[in-house]
Amino acid sequence: MKKLLPIILLGLYIGGGIKFWNGFDRTSFNQSVSTRLLLSVLWPVLFIGNKSFRGNFQKALKGS
């Protein structure tokens, strides 16, 4: 079980980043590649600490 948890967390991190990257055009962020890359990498930290980012993240994932 100890070996499985990091694999699951890594999968969630990568999956969330990919879904955010693909839906980035639905957000209100600057559409530059550098912004997209930075926010896609830092999404877990920003999701926890920033209400505005959470809303944009949900837009990117759900498309609404």
C-alpha atoms as a PDB file:
ATOM      1  CA  MET A   1       0.000   0.000   0.000  1.00  0.00           C
ATOM      2  CA  LYS A   2       2.875   2.390   0.740  1.00  0.00           C
ATOM      3  CA  LYS A   3       4.155   1.987  -2.821  1.00  0.00           C
ATOM      4  CA  LEU A   4       0.725   2.436  -4.375  1.00  0.00           C
ATOM      5  CA  LEU A   5      -0.147   5.816  -2.824  1.00  0.00           C
ATOM      6  CA  PRO A   6       2.667   7.812  -4.501  1.00  0.00           C
ATOM      7  CA  ILE A   7       1.760   6.257  -7.857  1.00  0.00           C
ATOM      8  CA  ILE A   8      -1.894   7.245  -7.414  1.00  0.00           C
ATOM      9  CA  LEU A   9      -0.960  10.789  -6.352  1.00  0.00           C
ATOM     10  CA  LEU A  10       1.419  11.162  -9.303  1.00  0.00           C
ATOM     11  CA  GLY A  11      -1.314   9.942 -11.644  1.00  0.00           C
ATOM     12  CA  LEU A  12      -3.760  12.493 -10.239  1.00  0.00           C
ATOM     13  CA  TYR A  13      -1.164  15.264 -10.546  1.00  0.00           C
ATOM     14  CA  ILE A  14      -0.331  14.423 -14.154  1.00  0.00           C
ATOM     15  CA  GLY A  15      -3.960  13.815 -15.114  1.00  0.00           C
ATOM     16  CA  GLY A  16      -5.089  17.111 -13.584  1.00  0.00           C
ATOM     17  CA  GLY A  17      -2.290  18.967 -15.349  1.00  0.00           C
ATOM     18  CA  ILE A  18      -3.153  17.456 -18.719  1.00  0.00           C
ATOM     19  CA  LYS A  19      -6.874  18.197 -18.351  1.00  0.00           C
ATOM     20  CA  PHE A  20      -6.075  21.771 -17.281  1.00  0.00           C
ATOM     21  CA  TRP A  21      -3.683  22.194 -20.235  1.00  0.00           C
ATOM     22  CA  ASN A  22      -6.311  20.973 -22.689  1.00  0.00           C
ATOM     23  CA  GLY A  23      -9.047  23.208 -21.277  1.00  0.00           C
ATOM     24  CA  PHE A  24      -6.858  26.253 -20.670  1.00  0.00           C
ATOM     25  CA  ASP A  25      -8.515  28.252 -23.446  1.00  0.00           C
ATOM     26  CA  ARG A  26     -11.747  28.329 -21.385  1.00  0.00           C
ATOM     27  CA  THR A  27     -10.060  30.228 -18.538  1.00  0.00           C
ATOM     28  CA  SER A  28      -9.610  33.965 -18.078  1.00  0.00           C
ATOM     29  CA  PHE A  29      -5.815  33.670 -17.857  1.00  0.00           C
ATOM     30  CA  ASN A  30      -3.337  35.126 -20.351  1.00  0.00           C
ATOM     31  CA  GLN A  31      -3.208  32.613 -23.204  1.00  0.00           C
ATOM     32  CA  SER A  32       0.599  32.525 -23.541  1.00  0.00           C
ATOM     33  CA  VAL A  33       2.428  29.203 -23.530  1.00  0.00           C
ATOM     34  CA  SER A  34       4.587  30.222 -20.565  1.00  0.00           C
ATOM     35  CA  THR A  35       1.514  31.027 -18.458  1.00  0.00           C
ATOM     36  CA  ARG A  36      -0.162  27.791 -19.520  1.00  0.00           C
ATOM     37  CA  LEU A  37       2.933  25.764 -18.629  1.00  0.00           C
ATOM     38  CA  LEU A  38       3.485  27.469 -15.267  1.00  0.00           C
ATOM     39  CA  LEU A  39      -0.138  27.124 -14.150  1.00  0.00           C
ATOM     40  CA  SER A  40      -0.325  23.523 -15.385  1.00  0.00           C
ATOM     41  CA  VAL A  41       2.706  22.609 -13.275  1.00  0.00           C
ATOM     42  CA  LEU A  42       1.650  24.525 -10.167  1.00  0.00           C
ATOM     43  CA  TRP A  43      -2.055  23.642 -10.272  1.00  0.00           C
ATOM     44  CA  PRO A  44      -2.211  21.692  -6.968  1.00  0.00           C
ATOM     45  CA  VAL A  45      -0.717  24.540  -4.933  1.00  0.00           C
ATOM     46  CA  LEU A  46      -2.834  27.183  -6.642  1.00  0.00           C
ATOM     47  CA  PHE A  47      -5.975  25.072  -6.341  1.00  0.00           C
ATOM     48  CA  ILE A  48      -5.540  24.849  -2.576  1.00  0.00           C
ATOM     49  CA  GLY A  49      -4.577  28.466  -1.998  1.00  0.00           C
ATOM     50  CA  ASN A  50      -6.473  30.587  -4.517  1.00  0.00           C
ATOM     51  CA  LYS A  51     -10.253  30.804  -4.897  1.00  0.00           C
ATOM     52  CA  SER A  52     -10.070  32.521  -8.298  1.00  0.00           C
ATOM     53  CA  PHE A  53      -7.788  29.789  -9.630  1.00  0.00           C
ATOM     54  CA  ARG A  54     -10.201  27.105  -8.379  1.00  0.00           C
ATOM     55  CA  GLY A  55     -12.994  28.667 -10.422  1.00  0.00           C
ATOM     56  CA  ASN A  56     -10.854  28.840 -13.555  1.00  0.00           C
ATOM     57  CA  PHE A  57      -9.581  25.309 -12.989  1.00  0.00           C
ATOM     58  CA  GLN A  58     -13.141  24.027 -12.832  1.00  0.00           C
ATOM     59  CA  LYS A  59     -13.974  25.924 -16.032  1.00  0.00           C
ATOM     60  CA  ALA A  60     -11.016  24.297 -17.754  1.00  0.00           C
ATOM     61  CA  LEU A  61     -12.013  20.821 -16.607  1.00  0.00           C
ATOM     62  CA  LYS A  62     -15.762  21.043 -17.091  1.00  0.00           C
ATOM     63  CA  GLY A  63     -15.967  23.500 -19.923  1.00  0.00           C
ATOM     64  CA  SER A  64     -18.575  25.702 -18.229  1.00  0.00           C
END
